Amino acid sequence: MRVLIIGASGFIGHYLQRRLLQKSGFEVTSTYNSRAPQDIDQSWYPLEITDYRRLDQVFLQVRPEVVVLLAAIADVGTAERVPARATEVNVDGARQVAQLCNQHHARLVFLSSEYVF
């Protein structure tokens, strides 16, 4: 199964990709925004979730069957300081990923937090 983890360089994504790579039957591709972890040897794509053209390119190249969306501004303080950016990333970015999943017939696993804008 082809799995695309968007936002895999964060805490949850790091452990999720390690776990999936240990199991057979998963072809895992991951994205990062600012840094790709050096301790996991796999396919990495640089991606800013608000770059919709790049996001579409990643979908076309990876052809995911499942997309796990972890990319977000998760820090409450940051989200409160820059609410427009938080909305752009956490709402508009998630919407675009959901639309691409629909277009590419991929299942979406979306993780969020208790603090939603």
Protein backbone atom coordinates (compact mmCIF):
# COMPACT_ATOMS: atom_id res chain seq x y z
CA MET A 1 0.00 0.00 0.00
CA ARG A 2 1.37 3.42 -0.99
CA VAL A 3 1.20 5.79 1.98
CA LEU A 4 1.99 9.49 1.80
CA ILE A 5 2.68 11.18 5.14
CA ILE A 6 2.35 14.94 4.85
CA GLY A 7 4.22 16.61 7.69
CA ALA A 8 6.27 13.56 8.61
CA SER A 9 9.18 15.40 10.19
CA GLY A 10 7.17 16.23 13.30
CA PHE A 11 6.84 14.18 16.47
CA ILE A 12 3.93 11.93 15.45
CA GLY A 13 4.99 11.65 11.82
CA HIS A 14 8.48 10.58 12.76
CA TYR A 15 7.20 7.63 14.79
CA LEU A 16 4.44 6.74 12.33
CA GLN A 17 6.81 6.43 9.40
CA ARG A 18 9.26 4.36 11.45
CA ARG A 19 6.45 1.98 12.36
CA LEU A 20 5.12 1.70 8.81
CA LEU A 21 8.60 1.13 7.40
CA GLN A 22 9.06 -1.78 9.83
CA LYS A 23 5.92 -3.48 8.53
CA SER A 24 5.79 -5.23 5.20
CA GLY A 25 3.36 -4.14 2.54
CA PHE A 26 3.80 -0.39 2.97
CA GLU A 27 5.57 1.88 0.51
CA VAL A 28 6.02 5.06 2.54
CA THR A 29 6.77 8.49 1.12
CA SER A 30 6.99 11.49 3.39
CA THR A 31 7.08 15.25 3.17
CA TYR A 32 8.79 17.85 5.31
CA ASN A 33 8.63 21.61 5.42
CA SER A 34 11.92 22.76 6.86
CA ARG A 35 14.05 19.70 7.55
CA ALA A 36 14.07 16.04 6.58
CA PRO A 37 15.18 13.76 9.42
CA GLN A 38 18.53 12.18 8.67
CA ASP A 39 17.87 9.01 10.67
CA ILE A 40 15.19 7.58 8.36
CA ASP A 41 16.28 6.35 4.95
CA GLN A 42 13.30 6.74 2.64
CA SER A 43 11.77 8.99 -0.02
CA TRP A 44 11.35 12.58 1.15
CA TYR A 45 9.69 15.48 -0.64
CA PRO A 46 10.08 19.10 0.47
CA LEU A 47 6.61 20.59 0.73
CA GLU A 48 4.99 23.77 1.98
CA ILE A 49 1.35 22.70 2.41
CA THR A 50 0.07 26.02 1.04
CA ASP A 51 1.97 25.50 -2.23
CA TYR A 52 -0.93 23.85 -4.02
CA ARG A 53 0.92 23.33 -7.30
CA ARG A 54 3.71 21.46 -5.49
CA LEU A 55 1.17 19.50 -3.48
CA ASP A 56 -0.50 18.35 -6.69
CA GLN A 57 2.90 17.36 -8.14
CA VAL A 58 3.63 15.20 -5.09
CA PHE A 59 0.26 13.45 -5.47
CA LEU A 60 0.94 12.81 -9.16
CA GLN A 61 4.42 11.42 -8.47
CA VAL A 62 3.57 9.30 -5.43
CA ARG A 63 0.07 8.15 -6.43
CA PRO A 64 -0.86 7.49 -2.79
CA GLU A 65 -3.57 5.09 -1.74
CA VAL A 66 -3.60 6.55 1.77
CA VAL A 67 -2.62 10.06 2.84
CA VAL A 68 -1.88 10.85 6.48
CA LEU A 69 -2.11 14.60 7.07
CA LEU A 70 0.01 15.78 9.98
CA ALA A 71 1.23 19.13 8.65
CA ALA A 72 -0.05 21.99 10.78
CA ILE A 73 0.79 24.90 12.98
CA ALA A 74 0.29 22.95 16.18
CA ASP A 75 1.68 25.42 18.69
CA VAL A 76 -1.24 27.38 20.20
CA GLY A 77 0.89 30.45 20.92
CA THR A 78 2.09 30.64 17.34
CA ALA A 79 -1.42 30.11 15.99
CA GLU A 80 -2.73 32.94 18.17
CA ARG A 81 0.07 35.30 17.10
CA VAL A 82 -0.45 34.62 13.38
CA PRO A 83 -4.09 33.55 12.99
CA ALA A 84 -4.19 34.24 9.25
CA ARG A 85 -1.20 31.98 8.66
CA ALA A 86 -2.67 29.33 10.98
CA THR A 87 -5.89 29.39 8.97
CA GLU A 88 -3.97 29.20 5.70
CA VAL A 89 -1.99 26.16 6.85
CA ASN A 90 -4.44 24.34 9.12
CA VAL A 91 -7.69 25.01 7.24
CA ASP A 92 -6.91 25.86 3.63
CA GLY A 93 -4.03 23.39 3.40
CA ALA A 94 -6.14 20.60 4.88
CA ARG A 95 -8.98 21.42 2.48
CA GLN A 96 -6.62 21.22 -0.49
CA VAL A 97 -5.25 17.86 0.67
CA ALA A 98 -8.81 16.55 1.09
CA GLN A 99 -9.71 17.71 -2.42
CA LEU A 100 -6.63 16.05 -3.89
CA CYS A 101 -7.40 12.84 -2.03
CA ASN A 102 -10.86 12.90 -3.58
CA GLN A 103 -9.46 13.57 -7.07
CA HIS A 104 -6.84 10.83 -6.76
CA HIS A 105 -9.11 8.32 -5.00
CA ALA A 106 -6.89 8.19 -1.93
CA ARG A 107 -8.10 7.68 1.62
CA LEU A 108 -7.38 10.51 4.02
CA VAL A 109 -6.33 10.10 7.64
CA PHE A 110 -6.51 13.56 9.23
CA LEU A 111 -5.17 14.24 12.70
CA SER A 112 -6.05 17.46 14.40
CA SER A 113 -5.88 18.98 17.84
CA GLU A 114 -8.33 20.20 20.41
CA TYR A 115 -7.47 23.78 19.47
CA VAL A 116 -8.99 24.36 16.04
CA PHE A 117 -9.44 27.66 14.20
